């Protein structure tokens, strides 16, 4: 039962993190990609959430892996509900 409470709590935290910081994260990503060959690529925070989920699943099961997967789930859900399912887009 305590694992479920932890998972739900960190999923909510990940959702709120995505909601509050996605615009700043976009600006940070743009500063990085402008200096590379990825200038026209936009990596959405749903991809970041998916990577965290996969990372958490493939770690040996521990509290840390549960928290990583839960935060990733929150990020993924926030992007899915606010902007739809998009992982990477190319700007024209």
PDB file of N, CA and C in Angstrom:
ATOM      1  N   UNK A   1       0.816  -1.199   0.000  1.00  0.00           N
ATOM      2  CA  UNK A   1       0.000   0.000   0.000  1.00  0.00           C
ATOM      3  C   UNK A   1       0.859   1.262   0.000  1.00  0.00           C
ATOM      4  N   UNK A   2       1.974   1.238   0.742  1.00  0.00           N
ATOM      5  CA  UNK A   2       2.808   2.433   0.813  1.00  0.00           C
ATOM      6  C   UNK A   2       3.452   2.741  -0.542  1.00  0.00           C
ATOM      7  N   UNK A   3       3.744   1.704  -1.333  1.00  0.00           N
ATOM      8  CA  UNK A   3       4.299   1.938  -2.673  1.00  0.00           C
ATOM      9  C   UNK A   3       3.289   2.645  -3.564  1.00  0.00           C
ATOM     10  N   UNK A   4       2.028   2.299  -3.423  1.00  0.00           N
ATOM     11  CA  UNK A   4       0.984   2.952  -4.201  1.00  0.00           C
ATOM     12  C   UNK A   4       0.858   4.425  -3.829  1.00  0.00           C
ATOM     13  N   UNK A   5       0.925   4.717  -2.555  1.00  0.00           N
ATOM     14  CA  UNK A   5       0.854   6.108  -2.087  1.00  0.00           C
ATOM     15  C   UNK A   5       2.049   6.897  -2.613  1.00  0.00           C
ATOM     16  N   UNK A   6       3.223   6.313  -2.565  1.00  0.00           N
ATOM     17  CA  UNK A   6       4.430   6.976  -3.070  1.00  0.00           C
ATOM     18  C   UNK A   6       4.309   7.207  -4.568  1.00  0.00           C
ATOM     19  N   UNK A   7       3.852   6.185  -5.304  1.00  0.00           N
ATOM     20  CA  UNK A   7       3.724   6.320  -6.754  1.00  0.00           C
ATOM     21  C   UNK A   7       2.734   7.421  -7.123  1.00  0.00           C
ATOM     22  N   UNK A   8       1.572   7.430  -6.484  1.00  0.00           N
ATOM     23  CA  UNK A   8       0.565   8.456  -6.780  1.00  0.00           C
ATOM     24  C   UNK A   8       1.075   9.835  -6.386  1.00  0.00           C
ATOM     25  N   UNK A   9       1.731   9.947  -5.247  1.00  0.00           N
ATOM     26  CA  UNK A   9       2.249  11.243  -4.793  1.00  0.00           C
ATOM     27  C   UNK A   9       3.277  11.803  -5.771  1.00  0.00           C
ATOM     28  N   UNK A  10       4.207  10.967  -6.212  1.00  0.00           N
ATOM     29  CA  UNK A  10       5.239  11.462  -7.122  1.00  0.00           C
ATOM     30  C   UNK A  10       4.720  11.632  -8.548  1.00  0.00           C
ATOM     31  N   UNK A  11       3.650  10.928  -8.902  1.00  0.00           N
ATOM     32  CA  UNK A  11       3.012  11.181 -10.196  1.00  0.00           C
ATOM     33  C   UNK A  11       2.392  12.576 -10.189  1.00  0.00           C
ATOM     34  N   UNK A  12       1.716  12.912  -9.111  1.00  0.00           N
ATOM     35  CA  UNK A  12       1.141  14.262  -8.977  1.00  0.00           C
ATOM     36  C   UNK A  12       2.251  15.311  -8.970  1.00  0.00           C
ATOM     37  N   UNK A  13       3.324  15.038  -8.268  1.00  0.00           N
ATOM     38  CA  UNK A  13       4.461  15.961  -8.240  1.00  0.00           C
ATOM     39  C   UNK A  13       5.057  16.141  -9.646  1.00  0.00           C
ATOM     40  N   UNK A  14       5.201  15.062 -10.388  1.00  0.00           N
ATOM     41  CA  UNK A  14       5.698  15.149 -11.756  1.00  0.00           C
ATOM     42  C   UNK A  14       4.763  15.940 -12.654  1.00  0.00           C
ATOM     43  N   UNK A  15       3.461  15.762 -12.455  1.00  0.00           N
ATOM     44  CA  UNK A  15       2.470  16.520 -13.228  1.00  0.00           C
ATOM     45  C   UNK A  15       2.605  18.011 -12.936  1.00  0.00           C
ATOM     46  N   UNK A  16       2.682  18.350 -11.667  1.00  0.00           N
ATOM     47  CA  UNK A  16       2.817  19.757 -11.288  1.00  0.00           C
ATOM     48  C   UNK A  16       4.149  20.341 -11.752  1.00  0.00           C
ATOM     49  N   UNK A  17       5.198  19.539 -11.709  1.00  0.00           N
ATOM     50  CA  UNK A  17       6.499  19.967 -12.211  1.00  0.00           C
ATOM     51  C   UNK A  17       6.411  20.277 -13.701  1.00  0.00           C
ATOM     52  N   UNK A  18       5.764  19.407 -14.450  1.00  0.00           N
ATOM     53  CA  UNK A  18       5.582  19.644 -15.883  1.00  0.00           C
ATOM     54  C   UNK A  18       4.740  20.870 -16.149  1.00  0.00           C
ATOM     55  N   UNK A  19       3.712  21.052 -15.343  1.00  0.00           N
ATOM     56  CA  UNK A  19       2.830  22.204 -15.520  1.00  0.00           C
ATOM     57  C   UNK A  19       3.542  23.516 -15.212  1.00  0.00           C
ATOM     58  N   UNK A  20       4.352  23.518 -14.178  1.00  0.00           N
ATOM     59  CA  UNK A  20       4.990  24.754 -13.750  1.00  0.00           C
ATOM     60  C   UNK A  20       6.252  25.125 -14.496  1.00  0.00           C
ATOM     61  N   UNK A  21       6.972  24.143 -14.980  1.00  0.00           N
ATOM     62  CA  UNK A  21       8.287  24.446 -15.534  1.00  0.00           C
ATOM     63  C   UNK A  21       8.454  24.155 -17.025  1.00  0.00           C
ATOM     64  N   UNK A  22       7.388  23.777 -17.720  1.00  0.00           N
ATOM     65  CA  UNK A  22       7.593  23.375 -19.110  1.00  0.00           C
ATOM     66  C   UNK A  22       8.015  24.538 -20.000  1.00  0.00           C
ATOM     67  N   UNK A  23       7.601  25.743 -19.695  1.00  0.00           N
ATOM     68  CA  UNK A  23       8.017  26.888 -20.521  1.00  0.00           C
ATOM     69  C   UNK A  23       9.486  27.226 -20.295  1.00  0.00           C
ATOM     70  N   UNK A  24       9.935  27.172 -19.052  1.00  0.00           N
ATOM     71  CA  UNK A  24      11.354  27.414 -18.778  1.00  0.00           C
ATOM     72  C   UNK A  24      12.225  26.306 -19.355  1.00  0.00           C
ATOM     73  N   UNK A  25      11.732  25.075 -19.297  1.00  0.00           N
ATOM     74  CA  UNK A  25      12.485  23.960 -19.864  1.00  0.00           C
ATOM     75  C   UNK A  25      12.596  24.121 -21.380  1.00  0.00           C
ATOM     76  N   UNK A  26      11.550  24.643 -22.022  1.00  0.00           N
ATOM     77  CA  UNK A  26      11.596  24.875 -23.459  1.00  0.00           C
ATOM     78  C   UNK A  26      12.663  25.918 -23.800  1.00  0.00           C
ATOM     79  N   UNK A  27      12.729  26.984 -23.031  1.00  0.00           N
ATOM     80  CA  UNK A  27      13.750  28.017 -23.273  1.00  0.00           C
ATOM     81  C   UNK A  27      15.155  27.456 -23.062  1.00  0.00           C
ATOM     82  N   UNK A  28      15.319  26.632 -22.019  1.00  0.00           N
ATOM     83  CA  UNK A  28      16.614  26.010 -21.748  1.00  0.00           C
ATOM     84  C   UNK A  28      17.019  25.078 -22.883  1.00  0.00           C
ATOM     85  N   UNK A  29      16.065  24.290 -23.363  1.00  0.00           N
ATOM     86  CA  UNK A  29      16.351  23.382 -24.478  1.00  0.00           C
ATOM     87  C   UNK A  29      16.745  24.169 -25.723  1.00  0.00           C
ATOM     88  N   UNK A  30      16.061  25.274 -25.991  1.00  0.00           N
ATOM     89  CA  UNK A  30      16.376  26.090 -27.178  1.00  0.00           C
ATOM     90  C   UNK A  30      17.792  26.649 -27.099  1.00  0.00           C
ATOM     91  N   UNK A  31      18.207  27.064 -25.906  1.00  0.00           N
ATOM     92  CA  UNK A  31      19.579  27.571 -25.755  1.00  0.00           C
ATOM     93  C   UNK A  31      20.601  26.485 -26.073  1.00  0.00           C
ATOM     94  N   UNK A  32      20.305  25.264 -25.704  1.00  0.00           N
ATOM     95  CA  UNK A  32      21.230  24.167 -25.969  1.00  0.00           C
ATOM     96  C   UNK A  32      21.205  23.775 -27.440  1.00  0.00           C
ATOM     97  N   UNK A  33      20.018  23.600 -28.004  1.00  0.00           N
ATOM     98  CA  UNK A  33      19.930  23.096 -29.379  1.00  0.00           C
ATOM     99  C   UNK A  33      20.353  24.131 -30.415  1.00  0.00           C
ATOM    100  N   UNK A  34      20.313  25.401 -30.090  1.00  0.00           N
ATOM    101  CA  UNK A  34      20.742  26.417 -31.064  1.00  0.00           C
ATOM    102  C   UNK A  34      22.223  26.299 -31.375  1.00  0.00           C
ATOM    103  N   UNK A  35      22.965  25.666 -30.508  1.00  0.00           N
ATOM    104  CA  UNK A  35      24.407  25.519 -30.705  1.00  0.00           C
ATOM    105  C   UNK A  35      24.777  24.194 -31.354  1.00  0.00           C
ATOM    106  N   UNK A  36      23.797  23.402 -31.695  1.00  0.00           N
ATOM    107  CA  UNK A  36      24.069  22.079 -32.265  1.00  0.00           C
ATOM    108  C   UNK A  36      23.350  21.931 -33.597  1.00  0.00           C
ATOM    109  N   UNK A  37      23.445  20.745 -34.168  1.00  0.00           N
ATOM    110  CA  UNK A  37      22.765  20.456 -35.424  1.00  0.00           C
ATOM    111  C   UNK A  37      21.262  20.216 -35.207  1.00  0.00           C
ATOM    112  N   UNK A  38      20.799  20.270 -33.984  1.00  0.00           N
ATOM    113  CA  UNK A  38      19.392  20.008 -33.664  1.00  0.00           C
ATOM    114  C   UNK A  38      18.559  21.286 -33.588  1.00  0.00           C
ATOM    115  N   UNK A  39      18.924  22.323 -34.320  1.00  0.00           N
ATOM    116  CA  UNK A  39      18.274  23.626 -34.206  1.00  0.00           C
ATOM    117  C   UNK A  39      16.771  23.580 -34.434  1.00  0.00           C
ATOM    118  N   UNK A  40      16.322  22.737 -35.341  1.00  0.00           N
ATOM    119  CA  UNK A  40      14.901  22.705 -35.691  1.00  0.00           C
ATOM    120  C   UNK A  40      14.122  21.627 -34.947  1.00  0.00           C
ATOM    121  N   UNK A  41      14.775  20.901 -34.069  1.00  0.00           N
ATOM    122  CA  UNK A  41      14.130  19.808 -33.351  1.00  0.00           C
ATOM    123  C   UNK A  41      13.600  20.309 -32.014  1.00  0.00           C
ATOM    124  N   UNK A  42      12.347  19.972 -31.722  1.00  0.00           N
ATOM    125  CA  UNK A  42      11.762  20.281 -30.404  1.00  0.00           C
ATOM    126  C   UNK A  42      11.442  18.959 -29.720  1.00  0.00           C
ATOM    127  N   UNK A  43      12.085  18.733 -28.590  1.00  0.00           N
ATOM    128  CA  UNK A  43      11.853  17.522 -27.808  1.00  0.00           C
ATOM    129  C   UNK A  43      10.824  17.870 -26.734  1.00  0.00           C
ATOM    130  N   UNK A  44       9.673  17.256 -26.809  1.00  0.00           N
ATOM    131  CA  UNK A  44       8.583  17.551 -25.873  1.00  0.00           C
ATOM    132  C   UNK A  44       8.842  16.864 -24.533  1.00  0.00           C
ATOM    133  N   UNK A  45       8.244  17.410 -23.470  1.00  0.00           N
ATOM    134  CA  UNK A  45       8.474  16.815 -22.158  1.00  0.00           C
ATOM    135  C   UNK A  45       7.754  15.488 -21.991  1.00  0.00           C
ATOM    136  N   UNK A  46       6.908  15.130 -22.942  1.00  0.00           N
ATOM    137  CA  UNK A  46       6.341  13.781 -22.904  1.00  0.00           C
ATOM    138  C   UNK A  46       7.424  12.741 -23.192  1.00  0.00           C
ATOM    139  N   UNK A  47       8.380  13.084 -24.051  1.00  0.00           N
ATOM    140  CA  UNK A  47       9.493  12.171 -24.323  1.00  0.00           C
ATOM    141  C   UNK A  47      10.383  12.041 -23.085  1.00  0.00           C
ATOM    142  N   UNK A  48      10.603  13.144 -22.405  1.00  0.00           N
ATOM    143  CA  UNK A  48      11.376  13.091 -21.169  1.00  0.00           C
ATOM    144  C   UNK A  48      10.677  12.191 -20.153  1.00  0.00           C
ATOM    145  N   UNK A  49       9.373  12.327 -20.031  1.00  0.00           N
ATOM    146  CA  UNK A  49       8.616  11.465 -19.130  1.00  0.00           C
ATOM    147  C   UNK A  49       8.692  10.009 -19.524  1.00  0.00           C
ATOM    148  N   UNK A  50       8.597   9.738 -20.819  1.00  0.00           N
ATOM    149  CA  UNK A  50       8.682   8.356 -21.294  1.00  0.00           C
ATOM    150  C   UNK A  50      10.054   7.754 -21.014  1.00  0.00           C
ATOM    151  N   UNK A  51      11.097   8.540 -21.200  1.00  0.00           N
ATOM    152  CA  UNK A  51      12.455   8.066 -20.901  1.00  0.00           C
ATOM    153  C   UNK A  51      12.598   7.769 -19.406  1.00  0.00           C
ATOM    154  N   UNK A  52      12.036   8.636 -18.566  1.00  0.00           N
ATOM    155  CA  UNK A  52      12.097   8.388 -17.118  1.00  0.00           C
ATOM    156  C   UNK A  52      11.322   7.132 -16.729  1.00  0.00           C
ATOM    157  N   UNK A  53      10.172   6.911 -17.368  1.00  0.00           N
ATOM    158  CA  UNK A  53       9.396   5.700 -17.092  1.00  0.00           C
ATOM    159  C   UNK A  53      10.208   4.462 -17.459  1.00  0.00           C
ATOM    160  N   UNK A  54      10.774   4.465 -18.644  1.00  0.00           N
ATOM    161  CA  UNK A  54      11.570   3.317 -19.103  1.00  0.00           C
ATOM    162  C   UNK A  54      12.782   3.116 -18.196  1.00  0.00           C
ATOM    163  N   UNK A  55      13.442   4.206 -17.842  1.00  0.00           N
ATOM    164  CA  UNK A  55      14.596   4.128 -16.952  1.00  0.00           C
ATOM    165  C   UNK A  55      14.191   3.534 -15.604  1.00  0.00           C
ATOM    166  N   UNK A  56      13.063   3.971 -15.059  1.00  0.00           N
ATOM    167  CA  UNK A  56      12.590   3.461 -13.784  1.00  0.00           C
ATOM    168  C   UNK A  56      12.202   1.991 -13.839  1.00  0.00           C
ATOM    169  N   UNK A  57      11.660   1.568 -14.974  1.00  0.00           N
ATOM    170  CA  UNK A  57      11.272   0.160 -15.129  1.00  0.00           C
ATOM    171  C   UNK A  57      12.497  -0.740 -15.232  1.00  0.00           C
ATOM    172  N   UNK A  58      13.513  -0.291 -15.937  1.00  0.00           N
ATOM    173  CA  UNK A  58      14.685  -1.133 -16.143  1.00  0.00           C
ATOM    174  C   UNK A  58      15.691  -1.108 -14.995  1.00  0.00           C
ATOM    175  N   UNK A  59      15.524  -0.178 -14.060  1.00  0.00           N
ATOM    176  CA  UNK A  59      16.345  -0.216 -12.854  1.00  0.00           C
ATOM    177  C   UNK A  59      15.879  -1.378 -11.993  1.00  0.00           C
ATOM    178  N   UNK A  60      16.769  -1.893 -11.211  1.00  0.00           N
ATOM    179  CA  UNK A  60      16.358  -2.918 -10.259  1.00  0.00           C
ATOM    180  C   UNK A  60      15.325  -2.287  -9.336  1.00  0.00           C
ATOM    181  N   UNK A  61      14.228  -2.975  -9.083  1.00  0.00           N
ATOM    182  CA  UNK A  61      13.128  -2.381  -8.327  1.00  0.00           C
ATOM    183  C   UNK A  61      13.600  -1.886  -6.964  1.00  0.00           C
ATOM    184  N   UNK A  62      13.389  -0.614  -6.767  1.00  0.00           N
ATOM    185  CA  UNK A  62      13.715   0.023  -5.498  1.00  0.00           C
ATOM    186  C   UNK A  62      12.817   1.244  -5.358  1.00  0.00           C
ATOM    187  N   UNK A  63      12.926   1.900  -4.251  1.00  0.00           N
ATOM    188  CA  UNK A  63      12.154   3.120  -4.044  1.00  0.00           C
ATOM    189  C   UNK A  63      12.562   4.173  -5.066  1.00  0.00           C
ATOM    190  N   UNK A  64      13.846   4.263  -5.379  1.00  0.00           N
ATOM    191  CA  UNK A  64      14.343   5.226  -6.365  1.00  0.00           C
ATOM    192  C   UNK A  64      13.727   4.972  -7.743  1.00  0.00           C
ATOM    193  N   UNK A  65      13.674   3.722  -8.179  1.00  0.00           N
ATOM    194  CA  UNK A  65      13.106   3.416  -9.494  1.00  0.00           C
ATOM    195  C   UNK A  65      11.613   3.725  -9.525  1.00  0.00           C
ATOM    196  N   UNK A  66      10.926   3.499  -8.417  1.00  0.00           N
ATOM    197  CA  UNK A  66       9.503   3.817  -8.339  1.00  0.00           C
ATOM    198  C   UNK A  66       9.279   5.321  -8.459  1.00  0.00           C
ATOM    199  N   UNK A  67      10.103   6.105  -7.779  1.00  0.00           N
ATOM    200  CA  UNK A  67       9.980   7.561  -7.827  1.00  0.00           C
ATOM    201  C   UNK A  67      10.287   8.087  -9.226  1.00  0.00           C
ATOM    202  N   UNK A  68      11.343   7.565  -9.854  1.00  0.00           N
ATOM    203  CA  UNK A  68      11.700   7.993 -11.217  1.00  0.00           C
ATOM    204  C   UNK A  68      10.557   7.694 -12.184  1.00  0.00           C
ATOM    205  N   UNK A  69       9.999   6.488 -12.110  1.00  0.00           N
ATOM    206  CA  UNK A  69       8.896   6.111 -13.001  1.00  0.00           C
ATOM    207  C   UNK A  69       7.651   6.952 -12.717  1.00  0.00           C
ATOM    208  N   UNK A  70       7.394   7.276 -11.460  1.00  0.00           N
ATOM    209  CA  UNK A  70       6.219   8.070 -11.106  1.00  0.00           C
ATOM    210  C   UNK A  70       6.341   9.506 -11.610  1.00  0.00           C
ATOM    211  N   UNK A  71       7.497  10.120 -11.450  1.00  0.00           N
ATOM    212  CA  UNK A  71       7.705  11.474 -11.962  1.00  0.00           C
ATOM    213  C   UNK A  71       7.579  11.480 -13.483  1.00  0.00           C
ATOM    214  N   UNK A  72       8.138  10.464 -14.133  1.00  0.00           N
ATOM    215  CA  UNK A  72       7.999  10.338 -15.583  1.00  0.00           C
ATOM    216  C   UNK A  72       6.552  10.193 -16.005  1.00  0.00           C
ATOM    217  N   UNK A  73       5.777   9.441 -15.235  1.00  0.00           N
ATOM    218  CA  UNK A  73       4.353   9.282 -15.530  1.00  0.00           C
ATOM    219  C   UNK A  73       3.628  10.613 -15.407  1.00  0.00           C
ATOM    220  N   UNK A  74       3.963  11.388 -14.392  1.00  0.00           N
ATOM    221  CA  UNK A  74       3.349  12.706 -14.225  1.00  0.00           C
ATOM    222  C   UNK A  74       3.681  13.645 -15.365  1.00  0.00           C
ATOM    223  N   UNK A  75       4.947  13.671 -15.792  1.00  0.00           N
ATOM    224  CA  UNK A  75       5.342  14.510 -16.928  1.00  0.00           C
ATOM    225  C   UNK A  75       4.618  14.086 -18.196  1.00  0.00           C
ATOM    226  N   UNK A  76       4.568  12.775 -18.420  1.00  0.00           N
ATOM    227  CA  UNK A  76       3.913  12.257 -19.615  1.00  0.00           C
ATOM    228  C   UNK A  76       2.421  12.598 -19.602  1.00  0.00           C
ATOM    229  N   UNK A  77       1.769  12.417 -18.463  1.00  0.00           N
ATOM    230  CA  UNK A  77       0.338  12.733 -18.368  1.00  0.00           C
ATOM    231  C   UNK A  77       0.067  14.217 -18.574  1.00  0.00           C
ATOM    232  N   UNK A  78       0.927  15.066 -18.022  1.00  0.00           N
ATOM    233  CA  UNK A  78       0.717  16.501 -18.204  1.00  0.00           C
ATOM    234  C   UNK A  78       0.763  16.868 -19.681  1.00  0.00           C
ATOM    235  N   UNK A  79       1.752  16.377 -20.393  1.00  0.00           N
ATOM    236  CA  UNK A  79       1.856  16.717 -21.809  1.00  0.00           C
ATOM    237  C   UNK A  79       0.718  16.106 -22.595  1.00  0.00           C
ATOM    238  N   UNK A  80       0.328  14.890 -22.266  1.00  0.00           N
ATOM    239  CA  UNK A  80      -0.759  14.215 -22.969  1.00  0.00           C
ATOM    240  C   UNK A  80      -2.066  14.983 -22.801  1.00  0.00           C
ATOM    241  N   UNK A  81      -2.338  15.472 -21.604  1.00  0.00           N
ATOM    242  CA  UNK A  81      -3.585  16.185 -21.355  1.00  0.00           C
ATOM    243  C   UNK A  81      -3.567  17.624 -21.841  1.00  0.00           C
ATOM    244  N   UNK A  82      -2.398  18.266 -21.860  1.00  0.00           N
ATOM    245  CA  UNK A  82      -2.348  19.676 -22.242  1.00  0.00           C
ATOM    246  C   UNK A  82      -2.098  19.883 -23.735  1.00  0.00           C
ATOM    247  N   UNK A  83      -1.222  19.096 -24.335  1.00  0.00           N
ATOM    248  CA  UNK A  83      -0.860  19.319 -25.735  1.00  0.00           C
ATOM    249  C   UNK A  83      -1.072  18.112 -26.620  1.00  0.00           C
ATOM    250  N   UNK A  84      -1.486  17.008 -26.064  1.00  0.00           N
ATOM    251  CA  UNK A  84      -1.670  15.797 -26.852  1.00  0.00           C
ATOM    252  C   UNK A  84      -0.379  14.991 -26.896  1.00  0.00           C
ATOM    253  N   UNK A  85      -0.457  13.881 -27.595  1.00  0.00           N
ATOM    254  CA  UNK A  85       0.681  12.982 -27.671  1.00  0.00           C
ATOM    255  C   UNK A  85       1.618  13.407 -28.797  1.00  0.00           C
ATOM    256  N   UNK A  86       2.730  13.986 -28.419  1.00  0.00           N
ATOM    257  CA  UNK A  86       3.783  14.309 -29.371  1.00  0.00           C
ATOM    258  C   UNK A  86       5.107  14.199 -28.619  1.00  0.00           C
ATOM    259  N   UNK A  87       6.036  13.479 -29.200  1.00  0.00           N
ATOM    260  CA  UNK A  87       7.315  13.251 -28.537  1.00  0.00           C
ATOM    261  C   UNK A  87       8.388  14.185 -29.060  1.00  0.00           C
ATOM    262  N   UNK A  88       8.489  14.265 -30.384  1.00  0.00           N
ATOM    263  CA  UNK A  88       9.487  15.120 -31.031  1.00  0.00           C
ATOM    264  C   UNK A  88       8.814  15.788 -32.218  1.00  0.00           C
ATOM    265  N   UNK A  89       9.080  17.058 -32.421  1.00  0.00           N
ATOM    266  CA  UNK A  89       8.553  17.739 -33.599  1.00  0.00           C
ATOM    267  C   UNK A  89       9.683  18.522 -34.260  1.00  0.00           C
ATOM    268  N   UNK A  90       9.529  18.719 -35.559  1.00  0.00           N
ATOM    269  CA  UNK A  90      10.521  19.457 -36.339  1.00  0.00           C
ATOM    270  C   UNK A  90       9.883  20.778 -36.749  1.00  0.00           C
ATOM    271  N   UNK A  91      10.550  21.878 -36.394  1.00  0.00           N
ATOM    272  CA  UNK A  91      10.053  23.200 -36.770  1.00  0.00           C
ATOM    273  C   UNK A  91      10.395  23.489 -38.218  1.00  0.00           C
ATOM    274  N   UNK A  92       9.529  24.204 -38.878  1.00  0.00           N
ATOM    275  CA  UNK A  92       9.773  24.534 -40.295  1.00  0.00           C
ATOM    276  C   UNK A  92      10.323  25.909 -40.458  1.00  0.00           C
TER     277      UNK A  92
END
